[in-house]
Each structure stands twice: as C-alpha cells, then as structure tokens.
Amino acid sequence: MHTLLSILHVLLAVITVGPAMLLPWLGERALRERDGERVHQAGRRCMAFNALTLVAALFGALTTVTSDRYSFADAWLIVASTLYVIAVVNGTAVIPGVLARIGKELQDSHGVMGGELLEQHRGRLLALAGLNLVFYTAVVILMAWRPGA
C-alpha cells in the first residue's frame, strides 16, 4: 500500500506542481501584451493548479503515515511542509488576486495602461511568481534529497 501511495503522490505532484509554478509567468506574458482576459484566465488557472497540489500533499501525508522510514517529525519534512504551505497560500490567494486586479484594470481601460503602472504590476507579479518558483523548487529538492533520512 505504501508503494502505491508513494507512486500516486509523486505522479500527482509532477502533474500539478509544474503548472502551479509556471502559470503565473503566463499571466506576466498576457500583461505585457495588455490582454486583460488572458491575465484573468492565468489567475484562475494558477489558483486551480495550486489548489490541486493539495491532493498530492494528501497522498504525501498518507505515504508518510504508512512509512516505516519517515515521520512527520523529520526536519526535512517539517521544512518542506512549511515551504509548501507558503507556496500554496501564495499561489491560491495572493498571485491570483494580483492577476485578477491587473486583469480588471486592463479590461476597464481597454488594454490601455501607462508604462509606469504596467511595470509596477509586472514587478509585483514577477516577484510573487519568483517566490513561488523558489518555494516549490525547495520543496521538490527536499522531497527528493531527504537530508538526514
């Protein structure tokens, strides 16, 4: 049973974490093209894929429960779980909120946005997307490496 849960955990993580990490960058691209609808769409998809990573996390928790080698007290798992929670909150609430706000502004202004305002939005979005990329990457590294295990 442990092996099956582990396989499902890894499979779901591969399917969901990749898009969760990369979808905000599509929002940035749509922002550069001043396409409010695509910015909104990227935000919705970002939220959905980040939320779907919770299914992978559930299978990860079940894998840990059924494991003889790992426990929730392992330092690498505590750090990875903490970073994961931060990434999920950022990816399901913060980034989609920013994308929704930007998309609405673009739609309300019919794609016309001043260069300075565009760069402010772009900078904020790139910072948040970069943080999410770093957090998810750290989680993947910790899950693969399992230091001290």
N, C-alpha and C. Protein backbone atom coordinates (compact mmCIF):
# COMPACT_ATOMS: atom_id res chain seq x y z
N MET A 1 0.82 -1.19 0.00
CA MET A 1 0.00 0.00 0.00
C MET A 1 0.87 1.26 0.00
N HIS A 2 1.96 1.21 0.77
CA HIS A 2 2.86 2.36 0.84
C HIS A 2 3.41 2.71 -0.54
N THR A 3 3.79 1.70 -1.30
CA THR A 3 4.36 1.94 -2.63
C THR A 3 3.33 2.60 -3.55
N LEU A 4 2.11 2.13 -3.51
CA LEU A 4 1.06 2.72 -4.34
C LEU A 4 0.81 4.18 -3.95
N LEU A 5 0.74 4.45 -2.67
CA LEU A 5 0.54 5.83 -2.21
C LEU A 5 1.71 6.72 -2.62
N SER A 6 2.90 6.19 -2.53
CA SER A 6 4.09 6.95 -2.92
C SER A 6 4.07 7.26 -4.42
N ILE A 7 3.69 6.29 -5.22
CA ILE A 7 3.60 6.50 -6.67
C ILE A 7 2.55 7.56 -6.99
N LEU A 8 1.40 7.46 -6.35
CA LEU A 8 0.34 8.45 -6.59
C LEU A 8 0.77 9.84 -6.14
N HIS A 9 1.47 9.91 -5.02
CA HIS A 9 1.97 11.19 -4.53
C HIS A 9 2.91 11.84 -5.55
N VAL A 10 3.87 11.08 -6.02
CA VAL A 10 4.84 11.62 -6.98
C VAL A 10 4.16 11.97 -8.30
N LEU A 11 3.30 11.10 -8.78
CA LEU A 11 2.60 11.35 -10.04
C LEU A 11 1.75 12.63 -9.96
N LEU A 12 0.99 12.76 -8.90
CA LEU A 12 0.16 13.96 -8.75
C LEU A 12 1.01 15.21 -8.56
N ALA A 13 2.12 15.07 -7.86
CA ALA A 13 3.00 16.22 -7.68
C ALA A 13 3.57 16.67 -9.02
N VAL A 14 3.98 15.73 -9.84
CA VAL A 14 4.53 16.08 -11.15
C VAL A 14 3.46 16.76 -12.02
N ILE A 15 2.26 16.23 -11.99
CA ILE A 15 1.18 16.76 -12.83
C ILE A 15 0.72 18.14 -12.37
N THR A 16 0.73 18.40 -11.08
CA THR A 16 0.14 19.65 -10.58
C THR A 16 1.16 20.73 -10.23
N VAL A 17 2.31 20.35 -9.72
CA VAL A 17 3.26 21.36 -9.25
C VAL A 17 3.90 22.12 -10.42
N GLY A 18 4.20 21.43 -11.50
CA GLY A 18 4.79 22.12 -12.66
C GLY A 18 3.92 23.27 -13.14
N PRO A 19 2.66 23.00 -13.47
CA PRO A 19 1.80 24.12 -13.88
C PRO A 19 1.60 25.16 -12.78
N ALA A 20 1.52 24.71 -11.54
CA ALA A 20 1.34 25.66 -10.44
C ALA A 20 2.51 26.64 -10.37
N MET A 21 3.71 26.15 -10.65
CA MET A 21 4.90 27.00 -10.62
C MET A 21 4.97 27.93 -11.83
N LEU A 22 4.48 27.48 -12.96
CA LEU A 22 4.72 28.22 -14.20
C LEU A 22 3.56 29.08 -14.69
N LEU A 23 2.36 28.83 -14.24
CA LEU A 23 1.21 29.60 -14.74
C LEU A 23 1.28 31.10 -14.45
N PRO A 24 1.82 31.54 -13.33
CA PRO A 24 1.93 33.00 -13.14
C PRO A 24 2.75 33.68 -14.24
N TRP A 25 3.68 32.96 -14.82
CA TRP A 25 4.50 33.54 -15.88
C TRP A 25 3.67 33.77 -17.14
N LEU A 26 2.64 32.95 -17.35
CA LEU A 26 1.73 33.20 -18.47
C LEU A 26 0.93 34.48 -18.23
N GLY A 27 0.60 34.72 -16.98
CA GLY A 27 -0.08 35.97 -16.63
C GLY A 27 0.80 37.17 -16.92
N GLU A 28 2.09 37.03 -16.65
CA GLU A 28 3.02 38.12 -16.93
C GLU A 28 3.11 38.37 -18.43
N ARG A 29 3.11 37.31 -19.18
CA ARG A 29 3.16 37.45 -20.65
C ARG A 29 1.91 38.16 -21.16
N ALA A 30 0.75 37.75 -20.64
CA ALA A 30 -0.51 38.40 -21.03
C ALA A 30 -0.52 39.87 -20.60
N LEU A 31 0.09 40.15 -19.46
CA LEU A 31 0.18 41.54 -19.00
C LEU A 31 1.01 42.37 -19.97
N ARG A 32 2.13 41.82 -20.41
CA ARG A 32 2.97 42.54 -21.38
C ARG A 32 2.20 42.81 -22.68
N GLU A 33 1.33 41.87 -23.03
CA GLU A 33 0.52 42.03 -24.24
C GLU A 33 -0.75 42.84 -23.98
N ARG A 34 -0.93 43.24 -22.72
CA ARG A 34 -2.07 44.05 -22.29
C ARG A 34 -3.42 43.37 -22.58
N ASP A 35 -3.46 42.07 -22.35
CA ASP A 35 -4.67 41.28 -22.59
C ASP A 35 -5.30 40.93 -21.24
N GLY A 36 -6.27 41.74 -20.82
CA GLY A 36 -6.89 41.57 -19.51
C GLY A 36 -7.56 40.23 -19.32
N GLU A 37 -8.21 39.72 -20.35
CA GLU A 37 -8.90 38.43 -20.24
C GLU A 37 -7.91 37.30 -20.00
N ARG A 38 -6.81 37.31 -20.70
CA ARG A 38 -5.80 36.25 -20.51
C ARG A 38 -5.11 36.38 -19.15
N VAL A 39 -4.98 37.60 -18.66
CA VAL A 39 -4.42 37.79 -17.31
C VAL A 39 -5.36 37.15 -16.29
N HIS A 40 -6.65 37.43 -16.43
CA HIS A 40 -7.66 36.81 -15.55
C HIS A 40 -7.60 35.28 -15.64
N GLN A 41 -7.54 34.80 -16.85
CA GLN A 41 -7.51 33.36 -17.09
C GLN A 41 -6.29 32.71 -16.43
N ALA A 42 -5.15 33.36 -16.54
CA ALA A 42 -3.94 32.84 -15.90
C ALA A 42 -4.12 32.79 -14.38
N GLY A 43 -4.77 33.80 -13.83
CA GLY A 43 -5.02 33.81 -12.38
C GLY A 43 -5.92 32.67 -11.94
N ARG A 44 -6.97 32.43 -12.71
CA ARG A 44 -7.88 31.32 -12.36
C ARG A 44 -7.17 29.98 -12.46
N ARG A 45 -6.39 29.80 -13.51
CA ARG A 45 -5.67 28.54 -13.67
C ARG A 45 -4.59 28.37 -12.61
N CYS A 46 -3.94 29.45 -12.27
CA CYS A 46 -2.93 29.42 -11.21
C CYS A 46 -3.56 28.96 -9.90
N MET A 47 -4.71 29.53 -9.59
CA MET A 47 -5.41 29.15 -8.37
C MET A 47 -5.81 27.67 -8.41
N ALA A 48 -6.32 27.23 -9.54
CA ALA A 48 -6.78 25.85 -9.66
C ALA A 48 -5.63 24.85 -9.49
N PHE A 49 -4.53 25.09 -10.18
CA PHE A 49 -3.42 24.13 -10.09
C PHE A 49 -2.75 24.15 -8.72
N ASN A 50 -2.66 25.33 -8.11
CA ASN A 50 -2.11 25.38 -6.76
C ASN A 50 -3.02 24.65 -5.78
N ALA A 51 -4.32 24.78 -5.96
CA ALA A 51 -5.26 24.05 -5.11
C ALA A 51 -5.16 22.54 -5.35
N LEU A 52 -4.95 22.15 -6.60
CA LEU A 52 -4.83 20.72 -6.91
C LEU A 52 -3.58 20.10 -6.29
N THR A 53 -2.58 20.91 -6.00
CA THR A 53 -1.40 20.34 -5.34
C THR A 53 -1.75 19.81 -3.95
N LEU A 54 -2.88 20.26 -3.41
CA LEU A 54 -3.31 19.74 -2.10
C LEU A 54 -3.61 18.24 -2.17
N VAL A 55 -4.06 17.77 -3.33
CA VAL A 55 -4.32 16.34 -3.49
C VAL A 55 -2.99 15.58 -3.41
N ALA A 56 -1.97 16.11 -4.07
CA ALA A 56 -0.65 15.49 -3.98
C ALA A 56 -0.14 15.52 -2.54
N ALA A 57 -0.39 16.62 -1.85
CA ALA A 57 0.04 16.72 -0.45
C ALA A 57 -0.70 15.69 0.42
N LEU A 58 -1.96 15.48 0.13
CA LEU A 58 -2.73 14.48 0.88
C LEU A 58 -2.11 13.09 0.70
N PHE A 59 -1.78 12.76 -0.54
CA PHE A 59 -1.14 11.46 -0.77
C PHE A 59 0.24 11.41 -0.14
N GLY A 60 0.92 12.54 -0.08
CA GLY A 60 2.21 12.59 0.61
C GLY A 60 2.05 12.33 2.10
N ALA A 61 1.01 12.90 2.69
CA ALA A 61 0.75 12.67 4.11
C ALA A 61 0.41 11.20 4.36
N LEU A 62 -0.40 10.63 3.48
CA LEU A 62 -0.74 9.21 3.62
C LEU A 62 0.49 8.33 3.44
N THR A 63 1.36 8.73 2.54
CA THR A 63 2.61 7.99 2.33
C THR A 63 3.47 8.02 3.60
N THR A 64 3.52 9.18 4.22
CA THR A 64 4.31 9.32 5.45
C THR A 64 3.71 8.48 6.58
N VAL A 65 2.40 8.48 6.69
CA VAL A 65 1.73 7.70 7.74
C VAL A 65 2.01 6.21 7.58
N THR A 66 2.06 5.74 6.34
CA THR A 66 2.26 4.31 6.10
C THR A 66 3.73 3.93 6.00
N SER A 67 4.63 4.88 6.19
CA SER A 67 6.06 4.63 6.03
C SER A 67 6.70 4.14 7.33
N ASP A 68 7.67 3.26 7.17
CA ASP A 68 8.47 2.83 8.31
C ASP A 68 9.72 3.69 8.46
N ARG A 69 10.09 4.41 7.39
CA ARG A 69 11.34 5.18 7.37
C ARG A 69 11.16 6.65 7.73
N TYR A 70 10.01 7.23 7.43
CA TYR A 70 9.82 8.66 7.59
C TYR A 70 8.71 8.95 8.58
N SER A 71 8.82 10.11 9.22
CA SER A 71 7.75 10.55 10.12
C SER A 71 7.58 12.05 9.97
N PHE A 72 6.49 12.55 10.49
CA PHE A 72 6.22 13.98 10.42
C PHE A 72 7.18 14.79 11.30
N ALA A 73 7.96 14.12 12.12
CA ALA A 73 8.93 14.80 12.97
C ALA A 73 10.28 15.00 12.27
N ASP A 74 10.45 14.43 11.09
CA ASP A 74 11.71 14.61 10.35
C ASP A 74 11.86 16.08 9.96
N ALA A 75 13.05 16.60 10.20
CA ALA A 75 13.30 18.04 9.95
C ALA A 75 13.06 18.42 8.49
N TRP A 76 13.51 17.58 7.57
CA TRP A 76 13.34 17.91 6.15
C TRP A 76 11.87 17.97 5.77
N LEU A 77 11.06 17.14 6.40
CA LEU A 77 9.63 17.13 6.10
C LEU A 77 8.93 18.35 6.71
N ILE A 78 9.37 18.76 7.87
CA ILE A 78 8.80 19.96 8.50
C ILE A 78 9.11 21.19 7.66
N VAL A 79 10.37 21.31 7.23
CA VAL A 79 10.77 22.47 6.42
C VAL A 79 10.04 22.44 5.08
N ALA A 80 10.01 21.28 4.43
CA ALA A 80 9.34 21.17 3.13
C ALA A 80 7.85 21.48 3.26
N SER A 81 7.23 20.99 4.31
CA SER A 81 5.80 21.24 4.51
C SER A 81 5.52 22.72 4.75
N THR A 82 6.38 23.35 5.52
CA THR A 82 6.21 24.79 5.78
C THR A 82 6.35 25.59 4.50
N LEU A 83 7.38 25.29 3.72
CA LEU A 83 7.56 25.99 2.45
C LEU A 83 6.40 25.72 1.50
N TYR A 84 5.90 24.50 1.53
CA TYR A 84 4.76 24.14 0.68
C TYR A 84 3.52 24.96 1.05
N VAL A 85 3.26 25.08 2.34
CA VAL A 85 2.09 25.86 2.78
C VAL A 85 2.21 27.31 2.32
N ILE A 86 3.40 27.87 2.45
CA ILE A 86 3.62 29.25 2.00
C ILE A 86 3.38 29.35 0.49
N ALA A 87 3.90 28.38 -0.26
CA ALA A 87 3.73 28.39 -1.72
C ALA A 87 2.25 28.26 -2.10
N VAL A 88 1.53 27.40 -1.41
CA VAL A 88 0.11 27.20 -1.74
C VAL A 88 -0.70 28.46 -1.43
N VAL A 89 -0.44 29.07 -0.31
CA VAL A 89 -1.16 30.31 0.03
C VAL A 89 -0.84 31.39 -1.00
N ASN A 90 0.43 31.51 -1.33
CA ASN A 90 0.85 32.49 -2.34
C ASN A 90 0.20 32.19 -3.69
N GLY A 91 0.15 30.91 -4.05
CA GLY A 91 -0.36 30.52 -5.36
C GLY A 91 -1.87 30.45 -5.47
N THR A 92 -2.57 30.28 -4.36
CA THR A 92 -4.03 30.20 -4.44
C THR A 92 -4.72 31.50 -4.04
N ALA A 93 -4.04 32.35 -3.30
CA ALA A 93 -4.69 33.58 -2.84
C ALA A 93 -3.99 34.84 -3.34
N VAL A 94 -2.71 34.93 -3.13
CA VAL A 94 -2.01 36.18 -3.42
C VAL A 94 -1.84 36.41 -4.92
N ILE A 95 -1.21 35.48 -5.61
CA ILE A 95 -0.96 35.66 -7.04
C ILE A 95 -2.26 35.79 -7.84
N PRO A 96 -3.25 34.90 -7.64
CA PRO A 96 -4.50 35.08 -8.38
C PRO A 96 -5.19 36.41 -8.08
N GLY A 97 -5.08 36.88 -6.85
CA GLY A 97 -5.66 38.18 -6.51
C GLY A 97 -4.99 39.31 -7.27
N VAL A 98 -3.67 39.24 -7.35
CA VAL A 98 -2.92 40.26 -8.10
C VAL A 98 -3.29 40.18 -9.58
N LEU A 99 -3.35 38.97 -10.11
CA LEU A 99 -3.70 38.81 -11.53
C LEU A 99 -5.13 39.29 -11.80
N ALA A 100 -6.04 39.02 -10.89
CA ALA A 100 -7.43 39.47 -11.07
C ALA A 100 -7.50 41.00 -11.08
N ARG A 101 -6.78 41.62 -10.16
CA ARG A 101 -6.77 43.08 -10.09
C ARG A 101 -6.18 43.69 -11.37
N ILE A 102 -5.07 43.12 -11.81
CA ILE A 102 -4.43 43.62 -13.03
C ILE A 102 -5.34 43.39 -14.24
N GLY A 103 -5.93 42.20 -14.31
CA GLY A 103 -6.82 41.89 -15.43
C GLY A 103 -8.01 42.83 -15.48
N LYS A 104 -8.57 43.13 -14.31
CA LYS A 104 -9.72 44.05 -14.27
C LYS A 104 -9.31 45.44 -14.72
N GLU A 105 -8.16 45.89 -14.25
CA GLU A 105 -7.68 47.22 -14.67
C GLU A 105 -7.47 47.27 -16.18
N LEU A 106 -6.91 46.21 -16.73
CA LEU A 106 -6.69 46.17 -18.18
C LEU A 106 -8.01 46.14 -18.93
N GLN A 107 -8.96 45.37 -18.44
CA GLN A 107 -10.26 45.30 -19.11
C GLN A 107 -11.01 46.62 -19.00
N ASP A 108 -10.96 47.24 -17.83
CA ASP A 108 -11.65 48.52 -17.65
C ASP A 108 -11.06 49.62 -18.53
N SER A 109 -9.75 49.54 -18.75
CA SER A 109 -9.09 50.58 -19.56
C SER A 109 -8.93 50.15 -21.02
N HIS A 110 -9.55 49.03 -21.38
CA HIS A 110 -9.50 48.50 -22.76
C HIS A 110 -8.06 48.29 -23.23
N GLY A 111 -7.22 47.79 -22.33
CA GLY A 111 -5.85 47.45 -22.66
C GLY A 111 -4.89 48.62 -22.64
N VAL A 112 -5.38 49.79 -22.28
CA VAL A 112 -4.50 50.96 -22.24
C VAL A 112 -4.04 51.14 -20.79
N MET A 113 -2.73 51.06 -20.62
CA MET A 113 -2.17 51.21 -19.28
C MET A 113 -0.83 51.92 -19.42
N GLY A 114 -0.60 52.88 -18.57
CA GLY A 114 0.66 53.62 -18.62
C GLY A 114 1.85 52.72 -18.37
N GLY A 115 2.97 53.09 -18.93
CA GLY A 115 4.18 52.28 -18.81
C GLY A 115 4.64 52.09 -17.39
N GLU A 116 4.55 53.15 -16.58
CA GLU A 116 5.00 53.05 -15.19
C GLU A 116 4.10 52.11 -14.38
N LEU A 117 2.80 52.25 -14.56
CA LEU A 117 1.85 51.38 -13.86
C LEU A 117 2.02 49.93 -14.31
N LEU A 118 2.20 49.74 -15.60
CA LEU A 118 2.42 48.40 -16.14
C LEU A 118 3.66 47.76 -15.51
N GLU A 119 4.73 48.52 -15.41
CA GLU A 119 5.96 47.99 -14.82
C GLU A 119 5.81 47.71 -13.33
N GLN A 120 5.02 48.52 -12.64
CA GLN A 120 4.77 48.24 -11.21
C GLN A 120 4.03 46.92 -11.05
N HIS A 121 2.98 46.75 -11.85
CA HIS A 121 2.22 45.49 -11.79
C HIS A 121 3.11 44.32 -12.19
N ARG A 122 3.88 44.51 -13.23
CA ARG A 122 4.75 43.45 -13.72
C ARG A 122 5.79 43.07 -12.66
N GLY A 123 6.37 44.07 -12.01
CA GLY A 123 7.36 43.80 -10.96
C GLY A 123 6.77 43.04 -9.80
N ARG A 124 5.57 43.44 -9.37
CA ARG A 124 4.91 42.75 -8.27
C ARG A 124 4.62 41.30 -8.65
N LEU A 125 4.10 41.11 -9.85
CA LEU A 125 3.77 39.76 -10.31
C LEU A 125 5.02 38.90 -10.44
N LEU A 126 6.08 39.45 -11.00
CA LEU A 126 7.31 38.68 -11.16
C LEU A 126 7.92 38.32 -9.81
N ALA A 127 7.84 39.22 -8.85
CA ALA A 127 8.36 38.92 -7.51
C ALA A 127 7.59 37.77 -6.87
N LEU A 128 6.27 37.84 -6.93
CA LEU A 128 5.45 36.78 -6.33
C LEU A 128 5.63 35.46 -7.06
N ALA A 129 5.67 35.51 -8.38
CA ALA A 129 5.87 34.29 -9.17
C ALA A 129 7.25 33.70 -8.90
N GLY A 130 8.24 34.56 -8.77
CA GLY A 130 9.59 34.09 -8.47
C GLY A 130 9.67 33.43 -7.10
N LEU A 131 8.99 34.02 -6.13
CA LEU A 131 8.95 33.41 -4.80
C LEU A 131 8.30 32.03 -4.85
N ASN A 132 7.20 31.94 -5.57
CA ASN A 132 6.53 30.65 -5.68
C ASN A 132 7.44 29.62 -6.33
N LEU A 133 8.14 30.03 -7.35
CA LEU A 133 9.07 29.13 -8.03
C LEU A 133 10.16 28.65 -7.06
N VAL A 134 10.68 29.56 -6.27
CA VAL A 134 11.72 29.21 -5.30
C VAL A 134 11.16 28.27 -4.23
N PHE A 135 9.97 28.58 -3.70
CA PHE A 135 9.40 27.74 -2.66
C PHE A 135 9.12 26.32 -3.17
N TYR A 136 8.47 26.22 -4.31
CA TYR A 136 8.17 24.89 -4.85
C TYR A 136 9.46 24.14 -5.21
N THR A 137 10.44 24.84 -5.74
CA THR A 137 11.71 24.19 -6.06
C THR A 137 12.38 23.65 -4.80
N ALA A 138 12.37 24.43 -3.74
CA ALA A 138 12.95 23.97 -2.48
C ALA A 138 12.20 22.75 -1.95
N VAL A 139 10.89 22.74 -2.08
CA VAL A 139 10.10 21.59 -1.63
C VAL A 139 10.48 20.35 -2.44
N VAL A 140 10.56 20.50 -3.74
CA VAL A 140 10.91 19.36 -4.60
C VAL A 140 12.31 18.84 -4.25
N ILE A 141 13.25 19.75 -4.04
CA ILE A 141 14.61 19.33 -3.68
C ILE A 141 14.60 18.58 -2.34
N LEU A 142 13.91 19.13 -1.36
CA LEU A 142 13.87 18.46 -0.05
C LEU A 142 13.18 17.10 -0.13
N MET A 143 12.13 17.01 -0.93
CA MET A 143 11.41 15.73 -1.06
C MET A 143 12.27 14.68 -1.78
N ALA A 144 13.07 15.12 -2.72
CA ALA A 144 13.92 14.16 -3.44
C ALA A 144 15.18 13.81 -2.64
N TRP A 145 15.76 14.79 -1.98
CA TRP A 145 17.01 14.60 -1.26
C TRP A 145 16.80 13.94 0.10
N ARG A 146 15.82 14.37 0.83
CA ARG A 146 15.50 13.87 2.18
C ARG A 146 16.74 13.86 3.08
N PRO A 147 17.33 15.03 3.33
CA PRO A 147 18.55 15.06 4.14
C PRO A 147 18.32 14.50 5.54
N GLY A 148 19.22 13.69 5.98
CA GLY A 148 19.14 13.11 7.32
C GLY A 148 18.24 11.90 7.41
N ALA A 149 17.61 11.53 6.31
CA ALA A 149 16.70 10.38 6.36
C ALA A 149 17.42 9.10 6.05
